C-alpha cells in the first residue's frame, strides 16, 4: 500500500512538472517564448500618423522630406503619410489635415517645421496642408 502511494505522488509531481514545462515553453497562444518576445518588440510605438491617425508599429515610418535651411534647429519639412495612407490609401483610410480638417488628396502633403531640441529629441509643428495653403481664387 505504501509503495502505491509513493508511486501515485511521484506520478502526480511528474504530471505537474510536465504541465508547467509545457506552459513555459509554449505560451497560451501556441507561440514559443522567444517568438512571443519578438512580437512584443513589434508593438505600437505610441505614435500615430498625423494624416490618417493610424497607429504606427515599431519599424514603420512616415514618408517625409526635410529641407535644409540656415538654422539646423528649425527646418522646413513635408509629411506625405505612412505605409497605410501613402502612396495609395488603404481601403477605409481617410487623409485629413489636423489644421483645417479638409481631406488631403493622395498627391498632397502636410507642411511642417522640424525642431531639434538641445536634448537631441525632435519636435514637429504642423502648419497646414496643400489644401490649407491654396490661394483663394
N, C-alpha and C. Protein backbone atom coordinates (compact mmCIF):
# COMPACT_ATOMS: atom_id res chain seq x y z
N UNK A 1 0.82 -1.20 0.00
CA UNK A 1 0.00 0.00 0.00
C UNK A 1 0.87 1.26 0.00
N UNK A 2 1.95 1.23 0.79
CA UNK A 2 2.84 2.38 0.87
C UNK A 2 3.53 2.63 -0.47
N UNK A 3 3.89 1.60 -1.16
CA UNK A 3 4.55 1.71 -2.45
C UNK A 3 3.63 2.38 -3.48
N UNK A 4 2.35 2.01 -3.48
CA UNK A 4 1.39 2.60 -4.40
C UNK A 4 1.20 4.08 -4.12
N UNK A 5 1.18 4.48 -2.88
CA UNK A 5 1.01 5.88 -2.51
C UNK A 5 2.22 6.70 -2.98
N UNK A 6 3.41 6.15 -2.80
CA UNK A 6 4.62 6.85 -3.25
C UNK A 6 4.63 6.96 -4.77
N UNK A 7 4.26 5.92 -5.49
CA UNK A 7 4.19 5.97 -6.95
C UNK A 7 3.15 6.99 -7.42
N UNK A 8 2.01 7.03 -6.74
CA UNK A 8 0.97 8.00 -7.09
C UNK A 8 1.45 9.43 -6.91
N UNK A 9 2.11 9.72 -5.81
CA UNK A 9 2.63 11.08 -5.54
C UNK A 9 3.71 11.44 -6.56
N UNK A 10 4.60 10.52 -6.88
CA UNK A 10 5.64 10.79 -7.87
C UNK A 10 5.05 11.04 -9.26
N UNK A 11 4.05 10.25 -9.65
CA UNK A 11 3.43 10.47 -10.96
C UNK A 11 2.68 11.80 -10.99
N UNK A 12 2.06 12.19 -9.86
CA UNK A 12 1.39 13.48 -9.79
C UNK A 12 2.38 14.63 -9.93
N UNK A 13 3.54 14.50 -9.30
CA UNK A 13 4.59 15.52 -9.40
C UNK A 13 5.11 15.60 -10.83
N UNK A 14 5.28 14.46 -11.49
CA UNK A 14 5.75 14.46 -12.87
C UNK A 14 4.74 15.11 -13.81
N UNK A 15 3.47 14.85 -13.61
CA UNK A 15 2.43 15.47 -14.44
C UNK A 15 2.42 16.98 -14.24
N UNK A 16 2.53 17.43 -12.99
CA UNK A 16 2.55 18.88 -12.71
C UNK A 16 3.79 19.53 -13.32
N UNK A 17 4.93 18.85 -13.23
CA UNK A 17 6.16 19.37 -13.82
C UNK A 17 6.05 19.46 -15.34
N UNK A 18 5.47 18.44 -15.96
CA UNK A 18 5.29 18.44 -17.42
C UNK A 18 4.33 19.56 -17.84
N UNK A 19 3.27 19.80 -17.07
CA UNK A 19 2.33 20.87 -17.40
C UNK A 19 3.00 22.23 -17.27
N UNK A 20 3.80 22.41 -16.21
CA UNK A 20 4.49 23.69 -16.03
C UNK A 20 5.50 23.91 -17.15
N UNK A 21 6.23 22.86 -17.52
CA UNK A 21 7.21 22.97 -18.59
C UNK A 21 6.54 23.27 -19.93
N UNK A 22 5.42 22.62 -20.19
CA UNK A 22 4.68 22.88 -21.43
C UNK A 22 4.20 24.33 -21.47
N UNK A 23 3.69 24.82 -20.36
CA UNK A 23 3.21 26.21 -20.29
C UNK A 23 4.36 27.19 -20.47
N UNK A 24 5.52 26.87 -19.93
CA UNK A 24 6.66 27.76 -20.02
C UNK A 24 7.22 27.79 -21.44
N UNK A 25 7.29 26.64 -22.09
CA UNK A 25 7.84 26.57 -23.46
C UNK A 25 6.84 27.11 -24.47
N UNK A 26 5.58 26.69 -24.36
CA UNK A 26 4.55 27.14 -25.27
C UNK A 26 3.57 28.00 -24.50
N UNK A 27 3.46 29.28 -24.92
CA UNK A 27 2.51 30.17 -24.26
C UNK A 27 1.10 29.78 -24.64
N UNK A 28 0.12 30.46 -24.08
CA UNK A 28 -1.29 30.08 -24.27
C UNK A 28 -1.72 30.13 -25.73
N UNK A 29 -1.07 30.96 -26.57
CA UNK A 29 -1.47 31.03 -27.97
C UNK A 29 -0.66 30.12 -28.87
N UNK A 30 0.22 29.27 -28.28
CA UNK A 30 0.96 28.30 -29.06
C UNK A 30 2.32 28.78 -29.53
N UNK A 31 2.67 30.04 -29.29
CA UNK A 31 3.97 30.55 -29.71
C UNK A 31 5.02 30.22 -28.66
N UNK A 32 6.24 30.01 -29.09
CA UNK A 32 7.31 29.78 -28.14
C UNK A 32 7.65 31.09 -27.46
N UNK A 33 8.36 31.01 -26.34
CA UNK A 33 8.70 32.19 -25.55
C UNK A 33 9.49 33.22 -26.33
N UNK A 34 10.49 32.80 -27.09
CA UNK A 34 11.31 33.75 -27.85
C UNK A 34 10.48 34.46 -28.92
N UNK A 35 9.62 33.71 -29.57
CA UNK A 35 8.80 34.32 -30.60
C UNK A 35 7.86 35.34 -30.00
N UNK A 36 7.34 35.06 -28.81
CA UNK A 36 6.44 35.98 -28.12
C UNK A 36 7.17 37.28 -27.77
N UNK A 37 8.44 37.19 -27.34
CA UNK A 37 9.21 38.39 -27.01
C UNK A 37 9.45 39.24 -28.25
N UNK A 38 9.71 38.61 -29.40
CA UNK A 38 9.91 39.36 -30.63
C UNK A 38 8.64 40.09 -31.04
N UNK A 39 7.48 39.44 -30.83
CA UNK A 39 6.22 40.08 -31.18
C UNK A 39 5.94 41.27 -30.27
N UNK A 40 6.39 41.21 -29.01
CA UNK A 40 6.22 42.34 -28.11
C UNK A 40 6.99 43.55 -28.63
N UNK A 41 8.19 43.30 -29.20
CA UNK A 41 9.01 44.38 -29.73
C UNK A 41 8.34 45.08 -30.90
N UNK A 42 7.44 44.39 -31.60
CA UNK A 42 6.78 44.97 -32.75
C UNK A 42 5.46 45.62 -32.39
N UNK A 43 5.26 45.90 -31.13
CA UNK A 43 4.03 46.53 -30.67
C UNK A 43 3.96 47.98 -31.13
N UNK A 44 2.86 48.67 -30.84
CA UNK A 44 2.73 50.06 -31.24
C UNK A 44 3.85 50.91 -30.66
N UNK A 45 4.32 51.85 -31.44
CA UNK A 45 5.39 52.71 -30.97
C UNK A 45 4.83 53.95 -30.30
N UNK A 46 3.57 53.95 -30.00
CA UNK A 46 2.88 55.04 -29.31
C UNK A 46 2.91 56.34 -30.11
N UNK A 47 2.88 56.22 -31.43
CA UNK A 47 2.74 57.40 -32.28
C UNK A 47 1.76 57.06 -33.40
N UNK A 48 1.08 58.07 -33.84
CA UNK A 48 0.09 57.90 -34.91
C UNK A 48 0.48 58.76 -36.10
N UNK A 49 0.01 58.37 -37.25
CA UNK A 49 0.22 59.17 -38.45
C UNK A 49 -0.60 60.45 -38.32
N UNK A 50 -0.02 61.62 -38.57
CA UNK A 50 -0.78 62.85 -38.44
C UNK A 50 -1.85 63.03 -39.53
N UNK A 51 -1.73 62.29 -40.63
CA UNK A 51 -2.71 62.40 -41.70
C UNK A 51 -3.92 61.48 -41.50
N UNK A 52 -3.66 60.20 -41.24
CA UNK A 52 -4.76 59.23 -41.18
C UNK A 52 -5.02 58.70 -39.77
N UNK A 53 -4.18 59.08 -38.82
CA UNK A 53 -4.31 58.70 -37.41
C UNK A 53 -4.17 57.19 -37.20
N UNK A 54 -3.51 56.48 -38.10
CA UNK A 54 -3.25 55.06 -37.93
C UNK A 54 -2.10 54.87 -36.95
N UNK A 55 -2.21 53.89 -36.07
CA UNK A 55 -1.14 53.59 -35.12
C UNK A 55 0.05 53.02 -35.88
N UNK A 56 1.22 53.57 -35.61
CA UNK A 56 2.44 53.09 -36.26
C UNK A 56 3.15 52.11 -35.35
N UNK A 57 3.53 50.96 -35.89
CA UNK A 57 4.24 49.96 -35.13
C UNK A 57 5.73 50.19 -35.27
N UNK A 58 6.50 49.57 -34.41
CA UNK A 58 7.95 49.72 -34.45
C UNK A 58 8.45 49.32 -35.83
N UNK A 59 9.26 50.15 -36.42
CA UNK A 59 9.80 49.88 -37.75
C UNK A 59 9.01 50.54 -38.87
N UNK A 60 7.79 51.01 -38.59
CA UNK A 60 7.01 51.71 -39.60
C UNK A 60 7.28 53.21 -39.47
N UNK A 61 7.60 53.84 -40.55
CA UNK A 61 7.98 55.25 -40.54
C UNK A 61 7.08 56.08 -41.43
N UNK A 62 7.05 57.37 -41.15
CA UNK A 62 6.36 58.31 -42.02
C UNK A 62 7.25 58.61 -43.22
N UNK A 63 6.63 58.88 -44.35
CA UNK A 63 7.38 59.34 -45.52
C UNK A 63 7.39 60.85 -45.43
N UNK A 64 8.56 61.43 -45.28
CA UNK A 64 8.67 62.88 -45.12
C UNK A 64 9.94 63.36 -45.80
N UNK A 65 9.97 64.65 -46.06
CA UNK A 65 11.14 65.30 -46.66
C UNK A 65 11.55 66.46 -45.75
N UNK A 66 12.82 66.52 -45.41
CA UNK A 66 13.33 67.62 -44.59
C UNK A 66 14.21 68.47 -45.48
N UNK A 67 13.95 69.79 -45.46
CA UNK A 67 14.68 70.73 -46.29
C UNK A 67 15.67 71.49 -45.43
N UNK A 68 16.94 71.36 -45.78
CA UNK A 68 17.99 72.02 -45.01
C UNK A 68 17.89 73.53 -45.20
N UNK A 69 18.00 74.23 -44.10
CA UNK A 69 17.94 75.68 -44.15
C UNK A 69 19.12 76.27 -43.40
N UNK A 70 19.02 77.55 -43.10
CA UNK A 70 20.10 78.23 -42.39
C UNK A 70 20.20 77.76 -40.94
N UNK A 71 19.06 77.58 -40.29
CA UNK A 71 19.05 77.20 -38.88
C UNK A 71 18.86 75.68 -38.76
N UNK A 72 19.86 74.95 -38.29
CA UNK A 72 19.70 73.49 -38.20
C UNK A 72 18.71 73.06 -37.11
N UNK A 73 18.34 73.97 -36.22
CA UNK A 73 17.39 73.62 -35.17
C UNK A 73 15.95 73.85 -35.59
N UNK A 74 15.73 74.53 -36.71
CA UNK A 74 14.38 74.76 -37.24
C UNK A 74 14.44 74.55 -38.75
N UNK A 75 13.91 73.40 -39.19
CA UNK A 75 13.98 73.06 -40.61
C UNK A 75 12.57 72.84 -41.15
N UNK A 76 12.35 73.29 -42.36
CA UNK A 76 11.06 73.06 -43.03
C UNK A 76 11.00 71.61 -43.47
N UNK A 77 9.80 71.02 -43.41
CA UNK A 77 9.65 69.65 -43.88
C UNK A 77 8.23 69.43 -44.39
N UNK A 78 8.07 68.39 -45.18
CA UNK A 78 6.75 67.99 -45.66
C UNK A 78 6.53 66.54 -45.23
N UNK A 79 5.30 66.23 -44.83
CA UNK A 79 4.94 64.88 -44.41
C UNK A 79 3.95 64.35 -45.43
N UNK A 80 4.31 63.26 -46.09
CA UNK A 80 3.45 62.70 -47.14
C UNK A 80 2.52 61.62 -46.62
N UNK A 81 2.87 60.93 -45.55
CA UNK A 81 1.99 59.92 -44.98
C UNK A 81 2.76 58.73 -44.44
N UNK A 82 1.99 57.70 -44.07
CA UNK A 82 2.55 56.47 -43.50
C UNK A 82 2.31 55.33 -44.49
N UNK A 83 2.74 54.11 -44.16
CA UNK A 83 2.50 52.99 -45.08
C UNK A 83 1.02 52.70 -45.34
N UNK A 84 0.13 53.20 -44.48
CA UNK A 84 -1.30 52.94 -44.64
C UNK A 84 -2.00 53.97 -45.53
N UNK A 85 -1.43 55.17 -45.64
CA UNK A 85 -2.11 56.21 -46.42
C UNK A 85 -1.26 56.79 -47.55
N UNK A 86 -0.03 56.32 -47.73
CA UNK A 86 0.82 56.84 -48.80
C UNK A 86 1.60 55.70 -49.41
N UNK A 87 1.74 55.59 -50.69
CA UNK A 87 1.30 56.46 -51.77
C UNK A 87 -0.18 56.29 -52.12
N UNK A 88 -0.76 55.12 -51.80
CA UNK A 88 -2.18 54.89 -52.06
C UNK A 88 -2.82 54.53 -50.72
N UNK A 89 -3.87 55.28 -50.31
CA UNK A 89 -4.51 54.95 -49.03
C UNK A 89 -5.18 53.57 -49.07
N UNK A 90 -5.05 52.84 -47.96
CA UNK A 90 -5.72 51.54 -47.83
C UNK A 90 -7.23 51.79 -47.77
N UNK A 91 -8.04 50.80 -48.11
CA UNK A 91 -9.49 50.98 -48.07
C UNK A 91 -9.96 51.40 -46.66
N UNK A 92 -10.79 52.42 -46.62
CA UNK A 92 -11.33 52.91 -45.36
C UNK A 92 -10.47 53.95 -44.66
N UNK A 93 -9.29 54.24 -45.19
CA UNK A 93 -8.39 55.23 -44.58
C UNK A 93 -8.65 56.59 -45.19
N UNK A 94 -8.89 57.60 -44.34
CA UNK A 94 -9.10 58.96 -44.81
C UNK A 94 -7.92 59.81 -44.37
N UNK A 95 -7.40 60.60 -45.30
CA UNK A 95 -6.30 61.52 -45.01
C UNK A 95 -6.89 62.89 -44.71
N UNK A 96 -6.80 63.32 -43.46
CA UNK A 96 -7.42 64.57 -43.02
C UNK A 96 -6.35 65.46 -42.42
N UNK A 97 -6.37 66.74 -42.80
CA UNK A 97 -5.43 67.72 -42.27
C UNK A 97 -5.78 68.02 -40.81
N UNK A 98 -4.81 67.98 -39.89
CA UNK A 98 -5.10 68.30 -38.49
C UNK A 98 -5.33 69.79 -38.24
N UNK A 99 -5.02 70.65 -39.23
CA UNK A 99 -5.19 72.10 -39.05
C UNK A 99 -6.55 72.56 -39.57
N UNK A 100 -6.86 72.28 -40.83
CA UNK A 100 -8.10 72.77 -41.44
C UNK A 100 -9.20 71.71 -41.50
N UNK A 101 -8.86 70.46 -41.21
CA UNK A 101 -9.79 69.32 -41.22
C UNK A 101 -10.39 69.04 -42.60
N UNK A 102 -9.70 69.47 -43.65
CA UNK A 102 -10.11 69.12 -45.01
C UNK A 102 -9.45 67.81 -45.41
N UNK A 103 -10.02 67.15 -46.40
CA UNK A 103 -9.43 65.92 -46.92
C UNK A 103 -8.21 66.25 -47.77
N UNK A 104 -7.10 65.60 -47.47
CA UNK A 104 -5.86 65.82 -48.22
C UNK A 104 -5.80 64.77 -49.33
N UNK A 105 -5.63 65.19 -50.58
CA UNK A 105 -5.57 64.22 -51.68
C UNK A 105 -4.31 63.34 -51.58
N UNK A 106 -4.31 62.19 -52.25
CA UNK A 106 -3.15 61.29 -52.18
C UNK A 106 -1.85 61.93 -52.64
N UNK A 107 -1.93 62.90 -53.56
CA UNK A 107 -0.70 63.57 -54.00
C UNK A 107 -0.38 64.80 -53.15
N UNK A 108 -1.18 65.08 -52.12
CA UNK A 108 -0.94 66.21 -51.23
C UNK A 108 -0.05 65.82 -50.06
N UNK A 109 0.29 66.82 -49.22
CA UNK A 109 1.15 66.57 -48.07
C UNK A 109 0.87 67.60 -46.98
N UNK A 110 1.46 67.40 -45.82
CA UNK A 110 1.39 68.36 -44.73
C UNK A 110 2.68 69.18 -44.73
N UNK A 111 2.55 70.47 -44.49
CA UNK A 111 3.71 71.33 -44.31
C UNK A 111 3.99 71.44 -42.82
N UNK A 112 5.27 71.38 -42.45
CA UNK A 112 5.61 71.38 -41.03
C UNK A 112 6.99 71.98 -40.80
N UNK A 113 7.28 72.22 -39.54
CA UNK A 113 8.62 72.64 -39.11
C UNK A 113 9.16 71.57 -38.18
N UNK A 114 10.41 71.18 -38.40
CA UNK A 114 11.07 70.19 -37.56
C UNK A 114 12.05 70.93 -36.66
N UNK A 115 11.82 70.81 -35.35
CA UNK A 115 12.69 71.46 -34.37
C UNK A 115 13.57 70.41 -33.72
N UNK A 116 14.87 70.65 -33.67
CA UNK A 116 15.80 69.78 -32.98
C UNK A 116 16.11 70.41 -31.63
N UNK A 117 15.72 69.75 -30.56
CA UNK A 117 15.92 70.28 -29.21
C UNK A 117 17.34 69.99 -28.74
N UNK A 118 17.74 70.69 -27.68
CA UNK A 118 19.09 70.50 -27.14
C UNK A 118 19.31 69.09 -26.62
N UNK A 119 18.25 68.42 -26.22
CA UNK A 119 18.35 67.04 -25.70
C UNK A 119 18.52 66.03 -26.82
N UNK A 120 18.39 66.45 -28.08
CA UNK A 120 18.51 65.55 -29.21
C UNK A 120 17.17 65.05 -29.72
N UNK A 121 16.10 65.33 -28.97
CA UNK A 121 14.77 64.91 -29.41
C UNK A 121 14.27 65.83 -30.51
N UNK A 122 13.37 65.29 -31.31
CA UNK A 122 12.79 66.05 -32.41
C UNK A 122 11.35 66.42 -32.08
N UNK A 123 10.94 67.59 -32.52
CA UNK A 123 9.57 68.04 -32.33
C UNK A 123 9.08 68.59 -33.66
N UNK A 124 7.88 68.19 -34.05
CA UNK A 124 7.32 68.62 -35.33
C UNK A 124 6.09 69.47 -35.07
N UNK A 125 6.05 70.61 -35.72
CA UNK A 125 4.90 71.51 -35.64
C UNK A 125 4.28 71.60 -37.04
N UNK A 126 3.05 71.09 -37.17
CA UNK A 126 2.37 71.08 -38.47
C UNK A 126 1.68 72.42 -38.67
N UNK A 127 1.96 73.04 -39.82
CA UNK A 127 1.39 74.37 -40.11
C UNK A 127 0.23 74.33 -41.08
N UNK A 128 -0.01 73.19 -41.72
CA UNK A 128 -1.13 73.09 -42.66
C UNK A 128 -0.86 72.03 -43.70
N UNK A 129 -1.71 72.05 -44.73
CA UNK A 129 -1.59 71.06 -45.81
C UNK A 129 -1.63 71.78 -47.15
N UNK A 130 -1.60 71.01 -48.22
CA UNK A 130 -1.67 71.60 -49.55
C UNK A 130 -3.03 72.25 -49.78
N UNK A 131 -4.08 71.77 -49.12
CA UNK A 131 -5.41 72.36 -49.26
C UNK A 131 -5.51 73.67 -48.48
N UNK A 132 -4.87 73.75 -47.31
CA UNK A 132 -4.88 74.98 -46.50
C UNK A 132 -4.18 76.11 -47.23
N UNK A 133 -3.08 75.78 -47.87
CA UNK A 133 -2.22 76.81 -48.44
C UNK A 133 -2.52 77.17 -49.88
N UNK A 134 -3.65 76.64 -50.41
CA UNK A 134 -4.05 77.04 -51.75
C UNK A 134 -4.55 78.47 -51.70
N UNK A 135 -4.20 79.20 -52.72
CA UNK A 135 -4.67 80.61 -52.80
C UNK A 135 -6.14 80.59 -53.17
N UNK A 136 -6.92 81.42 -52.50
CA UNK A 136 -8.34 81.56 -52.85
C UNK A 136 -8.45 82.27 -54.19
N UNK A 137 -9.16 81.65 -55.11
CA UNK A 137 -9.31 82.23 -56.45
C UNK A 137 -10.70 82.75 -56.64
